């Protein structure tokens, strides 16, 4: 059993490129089989290849074909874990909500949080957050609604259909607002809280898979830490391998199941379409199977990342950004340089 357990991860890495490569080879054979030279008409190097049939055993040709299929599949294989553009599709909202609840408690911005501590927490976030997150996200403080209107333009702010406006007696938002401004190439979100000296999180990119009610209750530091967590997930999976290998095995198994389904979707769709065009129109019904295959792959991918998120929520592993921000917020560590507010 130990030998089998050690072999399974390697076999999971082999099967996706091998399967995808064979599927593309089948598609290529259906497309170009009429153009291939036959044994009777072959000349030159092609004839020499046919002559090898009488010299080498069939297993040799099968091994060569398998190598070609694996090589082709490894080139066109999509990395299911690294394809971040898939993240907004079928995210595991329950796991994200659990992590958000933990971050909200640990990074609570109560009255005891001084401006100096908040500045230290911002500096810690800037140091430890992934560069991709830091380039798209900005933590701010002492921001008024008038400043936001001046930056974005009042017309643009009003046309953005902000969510979560809670009007107070003076007609201004009492607690929070989430403004989404869609440009030609980017989507910008501004989460602003009037309380606690007008702290805001400004980011570009897709929203987190959280409800408006959850976002409303999140401190700005917790929201920024969650955005960092989304870019930390691949690295946290590696940490899970080191610290909790039995949990990582579940993640790896689910991700492998997702990878083979997502990668099979395109070649199977092309194969079914080719058969429908060249053989019989009933093959078009096979596209239903292709859609089901893709759906299952997305579900398995979501479950795989849920394993990592649940591990963070239960503190089996820790987000480096979360730990650094929490320590700076509570004064457990000192920053190497004076912190500045953005």
C-alpha atoms as a PDB file:
ATOM      1  CA  UNK A   1       0.000   0.000   0.000  1.00  0.00           C
ATOM      2  CA  UNK A   2       2.865   2.389   0.746  1.00  0.00           C
ATOM      3  CA  UNK A   3       4.319   1.779  -2.704  1.00  0.00           C
ATOM      4  CA  UNK A   4       0.923   2.444  -4.295  1.00  0.00           C
ATOM      5  CA  UNK A   5       0.467   5.603  -2.232  1.00  0.00           C
ATOM      6  CA  UNK A   6       3.840   6.895  -3.405  1.00  0.00           C
ATOM      7  CA  UNK A   7       3.044   6.110  -7.045  1.00  0.00           C
ATOM      8  CA  UNK A   8      -0.436   7.663  -7.196  1.00  0.00           C
ATOM      9  CA  UNK A   9       0.668  11.336  -7.160  1.00  0.00           C
ATOM     10  CA  UNK A  10       3.026  10.661 -10.067  1.00  0.00           C
ATOM     11  CA  UNK A  11       0.343   8.814 -12.005  1.00  0.00           C
ATOM     12  CA  UNK A  12      -2.036  11.730 -11.478  1.00  0.00           C
ATOM     13  CA  UNK A  13       0.564  14.033 -13.015  1.00  0.00           C
ATOM     14  CA  UNK A  14       0.922  11.735 -16.037  1.00  0.00           C
ATOM     15  CA  UNK A  15      -2.680  11.010 -16.890  1.00  0.00           C
ATOM     16  CA  UNK A  16      -3.816  14.535 -17.770  1.00  0.00           C
ATOM     17  CA  UNK A  17      -1.178  15.341 -20.447  1.00  0.00           C
ATOM     18  CA  UNK A  18      -1.329  11.756 -21.723  1.00  0.00           C
ATOM     19  CA  UNK A  19      -5.122  11.780 -22.092  1.00  0.00           C
ATOM     20  CA  UNK A  20      -5.195  15.243 -23.642  1.00  0.00           C
ATOM     21  CA  UNK A  21      -2.380  14.353 -26.033  1.00  0.00           C
ATOM     22  CA  UNK A  22      -4.111  11.192 -27.241  1.00  0.00           C
ATOM     23  CA  UNK A  23      -7.370  13.088 -27.766  1.00  0.00           C
ATOM     24  CA  UNK A  24      -5.622  15.703 -29.902  1.00  0.00           C
ATOM     25  CA  UNK A  25      -3.847  12.965 -31.877  1.00  0.00           C
ATOM     26  CA  UNK A  26      -7.212  11.352 -32.610  1.00  0.00           C
ATOM     27  CA  UNK A  27      -8.561  14.720 -33.750  1.00  0.00           C
ATOM     28  CA  UNK A  28      -5.513  15.234 -35.955  1.00  0.00           C
ATOM     29  CA  UNK A  29      -5.906  11.800 -37.501  1.00  0.00           C
ATOM     30  CA  UNK A  30      -9.567  12.517 -38.331  1.00  0.00           C
ATOM     31  CA  UNK A  31      -8.625  15.829 -39.930  1.00  0.00           C
ATOM     32  CA  UNK A  32      -5.606  14.756 -41.983  1.00  0.00           C
ATOM     33  CA  UNK A  33      -6.007  11.008 -42.534  1.00  0.00           C
ATOM     34  CA  UNK A  34      -6.885  11.521 -46.213  1.00  0.00           C
ATOM     35  CA  UNK A  35      -3.644  13.453 -46.723  1.00  0.00           C
ATOM     36  CA  UNK A  36      -1.418  10.809 -45.113  1.00  0.00           C
ATOM     37  CA  UNK A  37       0.683   8.696 -47.449  1.00  0.00           C
ATOM     38  CA  UNK A  38      -0.221   4.997 -47.625  1.00  0.00           C
ATOM     39  CA  UNK A  39       2.298   2.183 -47.420  1.00  0.00           C
ATOM     40  CA  UNK A  40       1.998   1.422 -51.150  1.00  0.00           C
ATOM     41  CA  UNK A  41       2.589   5.019 -52.247  1.00  0.00           C
ATOM     42  CA  UNK A  42       5.064   6.134 -49.579  1.00  0.00           C
ATOM     43  CA  UNK A  43       8.556   7.168 -50.656  1.00  0.00           C
ATOM     44  CA  UNK A  44      11.694   8.328 -48.854  1.00  0.00           C
ATOM     45  CA  UNK A  45      11.645   8.768 -45.042  1.00  0.00           C
ATOM     46  CA  UNK A  46       7.940   7.906 -44.833  1.00  0.00           C
ATOM     47  CA  UNK A  47       8.620   4.573 -46.546  1.00  0.00           C
ATOM     48  CA  UNK A  48      11.458   3.927 -44.082  1.00  0.00           C
ATOM     49  CA  UNK A  49       9.054   4.468 -41.202  1.00  0.00           C
ATOM     50  CA  UNK A  50       6.657   1.916 -42.670  1.00  0.00           C
ATOM     51  CA  UNK A  51       9.594  -0.496 -43.083  1.00  0.00           C
ATOM     52  CA  UNK A  52      10.265  -0.340 -39.338  1.00  0.00           C
ATOM     53  CA  UNK A  53       6.983  -2.160 -38.827  1.00  0.00           C
ATOM     54  CA  UNK A  54       8.639  -5.409 -39.813  1.00  0.00           C
ATOM     55  CA  UNK A  55      11.730  -4.835 -37.670  1.00  0.00           C
ATOM     56  CA  UNK A  56      10.467  -3.439 -34.372  1.00  0.00           C
ATOM     57  CA  UNK A  57       7.658  -4.918 -32.259  1.00  0.00           C
ATOM     58  CA  UNK A  58       4.284  -3.222 -31.966  1.00  0.00           C
ATOM     59  CA  UNK A  59       5.013  -2.257 -28.361  1.00  0.00           C
ATOM     60  CA  UNK A  60       7.777   0.041 -29.605  1.00  0.00           C
ATOM     61  CA  UNK A  61       5.368   1.961 -31.815  1.00  0.00           C
ATOM     62  CA  UNK A  62       2.891   2.173 -28.945  1.00  0.00           C
ATOM     63  CA  UNK A  63       5.620   3.564 -26.683  1.00  0.00           C
ATOM     64  CA  UNK A  64       6.638   6.117 -29.314  1.00  0.00           C
ATOM     65  CA  UNK A  65       3.016   7.152 -29.834  1.00  0.00           C
ATOM     66  CA  UNK A  66       2.551   7.460 -26.074  1.00  0.00           C
ATOM     67  CA  UNK A  67       5.625   9.684 -25.816  1.00  0.00           C
ATOM     68  CA  UNK A  68       4.338  11.915 -28.617  1.00  0.00           C
ATOM     69  CA  UNK A  69       0.930  12.121 -26.944  1.00  0.00           C
ATOM     70  CA  UNK A  70       2.486  13.006 -23.583  1.00  0.00           C
ATOM     71  CA  UNK A  71       4.755  15.625 -25.163  1.00  0.00           C
ATOM     72  CA  UNK A  72       1.834  17.202 -27.009  1.00  0.00           C
ATOM     73  CA  UNK A  73      -0.419  17.087 -23.960  1.00  0.00           C
ATOM     74  CA  UNK A  74       2.196  18.671 -21.698  1.00  0.00           C
ATOM     75  CA  UNK A  75       2.466  21.606 -24.117  1.00  0.00           C
ATOM     76  CA  UNK A  76      -1.254  22.363 -24.331  1.00  0.00           C
ATOM     77  CA  UNK A  77      -2.175  21.397 -20.753  1.00  0.00           C
ATOM     78  CA  UNK A  78      -3.853  24.114 -18.716  1.00  0.00           C
ATOM     79  CA  UNK A  79      -2.619  24.533 -15.143  1.00  0.00           C
ATOM     80  CA  UNK A  80      -5.865  24.273 -13.184  1.00  0.00           C
ATOM     81  CA  UNK A  81      -4.302  25.689 -10.021  1.00  0.00           C
ATOM     82  CA  UNK A  82      -2.556  28.620 -11.692  1.00  0.00           C
ATOM     83  CA  UNK A  83      -5.375  29.659 -14.044  1.00  0.00           C
ATOM     84  CA  UNK A  84      -6.601  32.534 -11.892  1.00  0.00           C
ATOM     85  CA  UNK A  85      -9.083  33.725 -14.515  1.00  0.00           C
ATOM     86  CA  UNK A  86     -11.207  30.688 -13.577  1.00  0.00           C
ATOM     87  CA  UNK A  87     -11.521  31.852  -9.953  1.00  0.00           C
ATOM     88  CA  UNK A  88     -14.784  33.816 -10.378  1.00  0.00           C
ATOM     89  CA  UNK A  89     -16.466  30.722 -11.887  1.00  0.00           C
ATOM     90  CA  UNK A  90     -18.183  28.610  -9.222  1.00  0.00           C
ATOM     91  CA  UNK A  91     -16.184  29.782  -6.188  1.00  0.00           C
ATOM     92  CA  UNK A  92     -16.769  27.993  -2.888  1.00  0.00           C
ATOM     93  CA  UNK A  93     -18.595  30.811  -1.121  1.00  0.00           C
ATOM     94  CA  UNK A  94     -19.105  28.913   2.137  1.00  0.00           C
ATOM     95  CA  UNK A  95     -15.360  28.492   2.636  1.00  0.00           C
ATOM     96  CA  UNK A  96     -14.684  32.130   1.787  1.00  0.00           C
ATOM     97  CA  UNK A  97     -17.369  33.232   4.253  1.00  0.00           C
ATOM     98  CA  UNK A  98     -15.759  31.114   6.995  1.00  0.00           C
ATOM     99  CA  UNK A  99     -12.329  32.626   6.357  1.00  0.00           C
ATOM    100  CA  UNK A 100     -13.794  36.139   6.221  1.00  0.00           C
ATOM    101  CA  UNK A 101     -15.454  35.602   9.596  1.00  0.00           C
ATOM    102  CA  UNK A 102     -12.129  34.529  11.133  1.00  0.00           C
ATOM    103  CA  UNK A 103     -10.280  37.478   9.613  1.00  0.00           C
ATOM    104  CA  UNK A 104     -12.967  39.882  10.836  1.00  0.00           C
ATOM    105  CA  UNK A 105     -12.508  38.710  14.424  1.00  0.00           C
ATOM    106  CA  UNK A 106      -8.711  38.698  14.345  1.00  0.00           C
ATOM    107  CA  UNK A 107      -8.363  42.085  12.629  1.00  0.00           C
ATOM    108  CA  UNK A 108     -11.111  43.938  14.429  1.00  0.00           C
ATOM    109  CA  UNK A 109     -10.588  47.696  14.173  1.00  0.00           C
ATOM    110  CA  UNK A 110     -11.990  48.796  17.504  1.00  0.00           C
ATOM    111  CA  UNK A 111     -11.543  52.097  19.278  1.00  0.00           C
ATOM    112  CA  UNK A 112      -8.273  50.817  20.760  1.00  0.00           C
ATOM    113  CA  UNK A 113      -6.639  50.759  17.313  1.00  0.00           C
ATOM    114  CA  UNK A 114      -4.579  53.923  17.160  1.00  0.00           C
ATOM    115  CA  UNK A 115      -3.449  55.685  14.018  1.00  0.00           C
ATOM    116  CA  UNK A 116       0.117  54.508  14.637  1.00  0.00           C
ATOM    117  CA  UNK A 117      -0.959  50.875  14.926  1.00  0.00           C
ATOM    118  CA  UNK A 118      -3.056  51.185  11.793  1.00  0.00           C
ATOM    119  CA  UNK A 119      -0.086  52.678   9.943  1.00  0.00           C
ATOM    120  CA  UNK A 120       2.100  49.799  11.153  1.00  0.00           C
ATOM    121  CA  UNK A 121      -0.507  47.300   9.945  1.00  0.00           C
ATOM    122  CA  UNK A 122      -0.577  48.960   6.516  1.00  0.00           C
ATOM    123  CA  UNK A 123       3.220  48.799   6.340  1.00  0.00           C
ATOM    124  CA  UNK A 124       3.118  45.105   7.290  1.00  0.00           C
ATOM    125  CA  UNK A 125       0.513  44.439   4.611  1.00  0.00           C
ATOM    126  CA  UNK A 126       2.621  46.210   1.975  1.00  0.00           C
ATOM    127  CA  UNK A 127       5.670  44.137   2.955  1.00  0.00           C
ATOM    128  CA  UNK A 128       4.067  40.701   2.995  1.00  0.00           C
ATOM    129  CA  UNK A 129       1.213  40.836   0.468  1.00  0.00           C
ATOM    130  CA  UNK A 130       1.943  39.219  -2.910  1.00  0.00           C
ATOM    131  CA  UNK A 131       3.203  41.729  -5.449  1.00  0.00           C
ATOM    132  CA  UNK A 132       0.212  41.037  -7.669  1.00  0.00           C
ATOM    133  CA  UNK A 133      -2.116  42.058  -4.837  1.00  0.00           C
ATOM    134  CA  UNK A 134      -0.066  45.087  -3.812  1.00  0.00           C
ATOM    135  CA  UNK A 135      -0.141  46.454  -7.365  1.00  0.00           C
ATOM    136  CA  UNK A 136      -3.930  46.315  -7.530  1.00  0.00           C
ATOM    137  CA  UNK A 137      -4.937  47.175  -3.955  1.00  0.00           C
ATOM    138  CA  UNK A 138      -4.481  50.330  -1.893  1.00  0.00           C
ATOM    139  CA  UNK A 139      -5.228  50.794   1.809  1.00  0.00           C
ATOM    140  CA  UNK A 140      -6.239  54.328   2.719  1.00  0.00           C
ATOM    141  CA  UNK A 141      -7.361  56.282   5.764  1.00  0.00           C
ATOM    142  CA  UNK A 142      -8.889  59.674   6.560  1.00  0.00           C
ATOM    143  CA  UNK A 143     -10.769  59.590   3.267  1.00  0.00           C
ATOM    144  CA  UNK A 144     -13.990  61.575   3.020  1.00  0.00           C
ATOM    145  CA  UNK A 145     -16.819  61.043   0.605  1.00  0.00           C
ATOM    146  CA  UNK A 146     -15.996  64.404  -0.961  1.00  0.00           C
ATOM    147  CA  UNK A 147     -12.461  63.211  -1.723  1.00  0.00           C
ATOM    148  CA  UNK A 148     -13.794  60.072  -3.371  1.00  0.00           C
ATOM    149  CA  UNK A 149     -16.118  62.186  -5.472  1.00  0.00           C
ATOM    150  CA  UNK A 150     -13.287  64.475  -6.514  1.00  0.00           C
ATOM    151  CA  UNK A 151     -11.063  61.536  -7.490  1.00  0.00           C
ATOM    152  CA  UNK A 152     -13.632  59.629  -9.490  1.00  0.00           C
ATOM    153  CA  UNK A 153     -15.770  62.497 -10.641  1.00  0.00           C
ATOM    154  CA  UNK A 154     -19.218  62.934  -9.125  1.00  0.00           C
ATOM    155  CA  UNK A 155     -20.988  61.770 -12.278  1.00  0.00           C
ATOM    156  CA  UNK A 156     -18.912  58.599 -12.477  1.00  0.00           C
ATOM    157  CA  UNK A 157     -19.533  57.862  -8.801  1.00  0.00           C
ATOM    158  CA  UNK A 158     -23.272  58.296  -9.112  1.00  0.00           C
ATOM    159  CA  UNK A 159     -23.408  56.259 -12.336  1.00  0.00           C
ATOM    160  CA  UNK A 160     -21.522  53.377 -10.710  1.00  0.00           C
ATOM    161  CA  UNK A 161     -24.633  52.194  -8.819  1.00  0.00           C
ATOM    162  CA  UNK A 162     -22.983  51.995  -5.391  1.00  0.00           C
ATOM    163  CA  UNK A 163     -24.222  49.337  -3.009  1.00  0.00           C
ATOM    164  CA  UNK A 164     -24.758  49.566   0.719  1.00  0.00           C
ATOM    165  CA  UNK A 165     -25.550  53.238   1.209  1.00  0.00           C
ATOM    166  CA  UNK A 166     -26.980  53.678   4.721  1.00  0.00           C
ATOM    167  CA  UNK A 167     -28.205  57.262   5.123  1.00  0.00           C
ATOM    168  CA  UNK A 168     -27.864  59.013   8.453  1.00  0.00           C
ATOM    169  CA  UNK A 169     -29.705  62.096   9.676  1.00  0.00           C
ATOM    170  CA  UNK A 170     -27.433  64.449   7.743  1.00  0.00           C
ATOM    171  CA  UNK A 171     -28.022  62.538   4.510  1.00  0.00           C
ATOM    172  CA  UNK A 172     -24.481  61.169   4.286  1.00  0.00           C
ATOM    173  CA  UNK A 173     -23.623  57.440   4.324  1.00  0.00           C
ATOM    174  CA  UNK A 174     -23.503  56.396   7.975  1.00  0.00           C
ATOM    175  CA  UNK A 175     -21.342  53.309   7.881  1.00  0.00           C
ATOM    176  CA  UNK A 176     -20.134  52.001   4.562  1.00  0.00           C
ATOM    177  CA  UNK A 177     -20.465  51.926   0.812  1.00  0.00           C
ATOM    178  CA  UNK A 178     -19.094  49.735  -1.949  1.00  0.00           C
ATOM    179  CA  UNK A 179     -18.685  51.522  -5.264  1.00  0.00           C
ATOM    180  CA  UNK A 180     -17.955  49.592  -8.452  1.00  0.00           C
ATOM    181  CA  UNK A 181     -16.725  51.573 -11.449  1.00  0.00           C
ATOM    182  CA  UNK A 182     -16.399  49.648 -14.693  1.00  0.00           C
ATOM    183  CA  UNK A 183     -13.910  51.016 -17.189  1.00  0.00           C
ATOM    184  CA  UNK A 184     -13.040  49.811 -20.642  1.00  0.00           C
ATOM    185  CA  UNK A 185     -10.303  47.453 -19.471  1.00  0.00           C
ATOM    186  CA  UNK A 186     -10.467  47.306 -15.677  1.00  0.00           C
ATOM    187  CA  UNK A 187     -13.052  47.177 -12.917  1.00  0.00           C
ATOM    188  CA  UNK A 188     -12.369  49.348  -9.885  1.00  0.00           C
ATOM    189  CA  UNK A 189     -13.974  48.860  -6.474  1.00  0.00           C
ATOM    190  CA  UNK A 190     -13.869  51.255  -3.536  1.00  0.00           C
ATOM    191  CA  UNK A 191     -14.966  49.975  -0.128  1.00  0.00           C
ATOM    192  CA  UNK A 192     -15.305  53.038   2.100  1.00  0.00           C
ATOM    193  CA  UNK A 193     -16.300  53.287   5.765  1.00  0.00           C
ATOM    194  CA  UNK A 194     -17.310  56.629   7.199  1.00  0.00           C
ATOM    195  CA  UNK A 195     -16.693  55.416  10.721  1.00  0.00           C
ATOM    196  CA  UNK A 196     -13.159  54.860  12.009  1.00  0.00           C
ATOM    197  CA  UNK A 197     -11.688  57.948  10.301  1.00  0.00           C
ATOM    198  CA  UNK A 198     -12.906  57.127   6.803  1.00  0.00           C
ATOM    199  CA  UNK A 199     -10.775  54.094   6.025  1.00  0.00           C
ATOM    200  CA  UNK A 200     -11.048  52.672   2.538  1.00  0.00           C
ATOM    201  CA  UNK A 201      -9.806  49.784   0.428  1.00  0.00           C
ATOM    202  CA  UNK A 202      -9.367  50.557  -3.250  1.00  0.00           C
ATOM    203  CA  UNK A 203      -8.723  47.644  -5.592  1.00  0.00           C
ATOM    204  CA  UNK A 204      -8.874  46.692  -9.251  1.00  0.00           C
ATOM    205  CA  UNK A 205     -10.070  43.306 -10.424  1.00  0.00           C
ATOM    206  CA  UNK A 206     -12.877  40.882  -9.612  1.00  0.00           C
ATOM    207  CA  UNK A 207     -14.692  41.037  -6.311  1.00  0.00           C
ATOM    208  CA  UNK A 208     -14.294  38.479  -3.578  1.00  0.00           C
ATOM    209  CA  UNK A 209     -16.967  35.735  -3.494  1.00  0.00           C
ATOM    210  CA  UNK A 210     -18.625  37.264  -0.432  1.00  0.00           C
ATOM    211  CA  UNK A 211     -22.082  38.663   0.188  1.00  0.00           C
ATOM    212  CA  UNK A 212     -22.600  42.389   0.647  1.00  0.00           C
ATOM    213  CA  UNK A 213     -23.592  41.753   4.264  1.00  0.00           C
ATOM    214  CA  UNK A 214     -20.254  40.058   4.942  1.00  0.00           C
ATOM    215  CA  UNK A 215     -18.270  42.802   3.203  1.00  0.00           C
ATOM    216  CA  UNK A 216     -20.143  45.433   5.189  1.00  0.00           C
ATOM    217  CA  UNK A 217     -18.951  43.925   8.462  1.00  0.00           C
ATOM    218  CA  UNK A 218     -15.318  43.548   7.424  1.00  0.00           C
ATOM    219  CA  UNK A 219     -12.660  45.961   8.659  1.00  0.00           C
ATOM    220  CA  UNK A 220     -10.500  47.428   5.921  1.00  0.00           C
ATOM    221  CA  UNK A 221      -7.453  45.429   7.067  1.00  0.00           C
ATOM    222  CA  UNK A 222      -9.414  42.175   6.968  1.00  0.00           C
ATOM    223  CA  UNK A 223     -10.691  42.942   3.480  1.00  0.00           C
ATOM    224  CA  UNK A 224      -7.170  43.697   2.256  1.00  0.00           C
ATOM    225  CA  UNK A 225      -5.877  40.491   3.889  1.00  0.00           C
ATOM    226  CA  UNK A 226      -8.561  38.495   2.084  1.00  0.00           C
ATOM    227  CA  UNK A 227      -7.462  39.927  -1.249  1.00  0.00           C
ATOM    228  CA  UNK A 228      -3.905  38.919  -0.424  1.00  0.00           C
ATOM    229  CA  UNK A 229      -5.136  35.455   0.550  1.00  0.00           C
ATOM    230  CA  UNK A 230      -6.648  34.924  -2.889  1.00  0.00           C
ATOM    231  CA  UNK A 231      -3.213  35.347  -4.478  1.00  0.00           C
ATOM    232  CA  UNK A 232      -1.549  33.295  -1.731  1.00  0.00           C
ATOM    233  CA  UNK A 233      -3.593  30.135  -2.318  1.00  0.00           C
ATOM    234  CA  UNK A 234      -1.017  28.289  -4.516  1.00  0.00           C
ATOM    235  CA  UNK A 235       1.764  28.997  -1.993  1.00  0.00           C
ATOM    236  CA  UNK A 236      -0.471  27.988   0.903  1.00  0.00           C
ATOM    237  CA  UNK A 237      -1.113  24.662  -0.818  1.00  0.00           C
ATOM    238  CA  UNK A 238       2.650  24.069  -0.805  1.00  0.00           C
ATOM    239  CA  UNK A 239       2.768  24.932   2.882  1.00  0.00           C
ATOM    240  CA  UNK A 240      -0.053  22.450   3.419  1.00  0.00           C
ATOM    241  CA  UNK A 241       2.126  19.767   1.825  1.00  0.00           C
ATOM    242  CA  UNK A 242       4.871  20.444   4.374  1.00  0.00           C
ATOM    243  CA  UNK A 243       2.766  20.864   7.500  1.00  0.00           C
ATOM    244  CA  UNK A 244      -0.325  18.720   6.817  1.00  0.00           C
ATOM    245  CA  UNK A 245       0.487  16.133   4.123  1.00  0.00           C
ATOM    246  CA  UNK A 246      -2.695  14.135   4.767  1.00  0.00           C
ATOM    247  CA  UNK A 247      -4.813  17.233   4.081  1.00  0.00           C
ATOM    248  CA  UNK A 248      -2.698  18.145   1.064  1.00  0.00           C
ATOM    249  CA  UNK A 249      -3.341  14.692  -0.398  1.00  0.00           C
ATOM    250  CA  UNK A 250      -7.062  15.466  -0.455  1.00  0.00           C
ATOM    251  CA  UNK A 251      -6.370  18.811  -2.127  1.00  0.00           C
ATOM    252  CA  UNK A 252      -4.046  17.209  -4.678  1.00  0.00           C
ATOM    253  CA  UNK A 253      -6.548  14.478  -5.502  1.00  0.00           C
ATOM    254  CA  UNK A 254      -9.398  16.944  -6.058  1.00  0.00           C
ATOM    255  CA  UNK A 255      -7.187  19.235  -8.136  1.00  0.00           C
ATOM    256  CA  UNK A 256      -6.046  16.312 -10.295  1.00  0.00           C
ATOM    257  CA  UNK A 257      -9.680  15.335 -10.928  1.00  0.00           C
ATOM    258  CA  UNK A 258     -10.451  18.934 -11.830  1.00  0.00           C
ATOM    259  CA  UNK A 259      -7.420  19.238 -14.094  1.00  0.00           C
ATOM    260  CA  UNK A 260      -8.194  16.196 -16.231  1.00  0.00           C
ATOM    261  CA  UNK A 261     -11.828  17.253 -16.711  1.00  0.00           C
ATOM    262  CA  UNK A 262     -11.079  20.882 -17.524  1.00  0.00           C
ATOM    263  CA  UNK A 263      -8.279  19.927 -19.918  1.00  0.00           C
ATOM    264  CA  UNK A 264     -10.380  17.264 -21.639  1.00  0.00           C
ATOM    265  CA  UNK A 265     -13.179  19.732 -22.360  1.00  0.00           C
ATOM    266  CA  UNK A 266     -11.632  21.401 -25.425  1.00  0.00           C
ATOM    267  CA  UNK A 267     -10.283  18.306 -27.263  1.00  0.00           C
ATOM    268  CA  UNK A 268     -13.450  16.302 -26.544  1.00  0.00           C
ATOM    269  CA  UNK A 269     -15.562  19.206 -27.827  1.00  0.00           C
ATOM    270  CA  UNK A 270     -13.453  19.376 -30.995  1.00  0.00           C
ATOM    271  CA  UNK A 271     -13.646  15.594 -31.405  1.00  0.00           C
ATOM    272  CA  UNK A 272     -17.430  15.506 -31.017  1.00  0.00           C
ATOM    273  CA  UNK A 273     -17.842  18.433 -33.422  1.00  0.00           C
ATOM    274  CA  UNK A 274     -15.595  16.720 -35.988  1.00  0.00           C
ATOM    275  CA  UNK A 275     -17.588  13.495 -35.760  1.00  0.00           C
ATOM    276  CA  UNK A 276     -20.855  15.427 -36.054  1.00  0.00           C
ATOM    277  CA  UNK A 277     -19.649  17.167 -39.216  1.00  0.00           C
ATOM    278  CA  UNK A 278     -18.109  14.094 -40.847  1.00  0.00           C
ATOM    279  CA  UNK A 279     -20.162  11.178 -39.556  1.00  0.00           C
ATOM    280  CA  UNK A 280     -23.679  11.889 -38.261  1.00  0.00           C
ATOM    281  CA  UNK A 281     -25.513  14.884 -36.860  1.00  0.00           C
ATOM    282  CA  UNK A 282     -26.529  12.943 -33.738  1.00  0.00           C
ATOM    283  CA  UNK A 283     -22.987  13.418 -32.492  1.00  0.00           C
ATOM    284  CA  UNK A 284     -23.959  17.006 -31.652  1.00  0.00           C
ATOM    285  CA  UNK A 285     -25.750  15.648 -28.584  1.00  0.00           C
ATOM    286  CA  UNK A 286     -22.313  14.714 -27.293  1.00  0.00           C
ATOM    287  CA  UNK A 287     -21.728  18.402 -26.550  1.00  0.00           C
ATOM    288  CA  UNK A 288     -23.966  17.921 -23.510  1.00  0.00           C
ATOM    289  CA  UNK A 289     -21.369  15.508 -22.170  1.00  0.00           C
ATOM    290  CA  UNK A 290     -18.658  18.101 -22.839  1.00  0.00           C
ATOM    291  CA  UNK A 291     -20.505  20.744 -20.836  1.00  0.00           C
ATOM    292  CA  UNK A 292     -21.059  18.265 -18.001  1.00  0.00           C
ATOM    293  CA  UNK A 293     -17.346  17.435 -18.074  1.00  0.00           C
ATOM    294  CA  UNK A 294     -16.392  21.103 -17.744  1.00  0.00           C
ATOM    295  CA  UNK A 295     -18.940  21.649 -14.978  1.00  0.00           C
ATOM    296  CA  UNK A 296     -17.581  18.726 -12.966  1.00  0.00           C
ATOM    297  CA  UNK A 297     -14.047  20.035 -13.415  1.00  0.00           C
ATOM    298  CA  UNK A 298     -14.981  23.480 -12.097  1.00  0.00           C
ATOM    299  CA  UNK A 299     -16.767  21.928  -9.119  1.00  0.00           C
ATOM    300  CA  UNK A 300     -13.755  19.768  -8.270  1.00  0.00           C
ATOM    301  CA  UNK A 301     -11.426  22.760  -8.579  1.00  0.00           C
ATOM    302  CA  UNK A 302     -13.633  24.739  -6.217  1.00  0.00           C
ATOM    303  CA  UNK A 303     -13.581  21.868  -3.729  1.00  0.00           C
ATOM    304  CA  UNK A 304      -9.805  21.632  -3.966  1.00  0.00           C
ATOM    305  CA  UNK A 305      -9.322  25.287  -3.053  1.00  0.00           C
ATOM    306  CA  UNK A 306     -11.954  24.899  -0.341  1.00  0.00           C
ATOM    307  CA  UNK A 307      -9.586  22.431   1.346  1.00  0.00           C
ATOM    308  CA  UNK A 308      -6.926  25.164   1.546  1.00  0.00           C
ATOM    309  CA  UNK A 309      -9.430  27.805   2.656  1.00  0.00           C
ATOM    310  CA  UNK A 310     -10.853  25.547   5.358  1.00  0.00           C
ATOM    311  CA  UNK A 311      -7.316  24.874   6.567  1.00  0.00           C
ATOM    312  CA  UNK A 312      -6.775  28.627   6.885  1.00  0.00           C
ATOM    313  CA  UNK A 313     -10.117  29.089   8.647  1.00  0.00           C
ATOM    314  CA  UNK A 314      -9.291  26.369  11.190  1.00  0.00           C
ATOM    315  CA  UNK A 315      -5.692  27.665  11.496  1.00  0.00           C
ATOM    316  CA  UNK A 316      -4.058  24.456  10.343  1.00  0.00           C
ATOM    317  CA  UNK A 317      -1.961  26.811   8.231  1.00  0.00           C
ATOM    318  CA  UNK A 318      -1.635  30.580   8.355  1.00  0.00           C
ATOM    319  CA  UNK A 319      -1.689  33.281   5.720  1.00  0.00           C
ATOM    320  CA  UNK A 320       1.655  35.148   5.942  1.00  0.00           C
ATOM    321  CA  UNK A 321      -0.044  38.468   5.223  1.00  0.00           C
ATOM    322  CA  UNK A 322      -2.696  37.840   7.848  1.00  0.00           C
ATOM    323  CA  UNK A 323      -0.108  36.950  10.517  1.00  0.00           C
ATOM    324  CA  UNK A 324       2.058  39.993   9.766  1.00  0.00           C
ATOM    325  CA  UNK A 325      -0.874  42.426   9.777  1.00  0.00           C
ATOM    326  CA  UNK A 326      -2.294  40.964  12.988  1.00  0.00           C
ATOM    327  CA  UNK A 327       1.073  41.194  14.731  1.00  0.00           C
ATOM    328  CA  UNK A 328       1.619  44.792  13.633  1.00  0.00           C
ATOM    329  CA  UNK A 329      -1.922  45.786  14.568  1.00  0.00           C
ATOM    330  CA  UNK A 330      -1.483  44.460  18.103  1.00  0.00           C
ATOM    331  CA  UNK A 331       2.030  45.841  18.446  1.00  0.00           C
ATOM    332  CA  UNK A 332       3.748  42.453  18.614  1.00  0.00           C
ATOM    333  CA  UNK A 333       6.395  43.407  16.039  1.00  0.00           C
ATOM    334  CA  UNK A 334       8.140  46.628  15.194  1.00  0.00           C
ATOM    335  CA  UNK A 335       8.452  47.907  11.697  1.00  0.00           C
ATOM    336  CA  UNK A 336      11.882  48.497  10.310  1.00  0.00           C
ATOM    337  CA  UNK A 337      10.997  51.928   8.927  1.00  0.00           C
ATOM    338  CA  UNK A 338       8.455  54.601   9.842  1.00  0.00           C
ATOM    339  CA  UNK A 339       5.058  53.614   8.531  1.00  0.00           C
ATOM    340  CA  UNK A 340       3.241  55.977   6.230  1.00  0.00           C
ATOM    341  CA  UNK A 341      -0.433  56.141   5.491  1.00  0.00           C
ATOM    342  CA  UNK A 342      -1.394  55.833   1.845  1.00  0.00           C
END
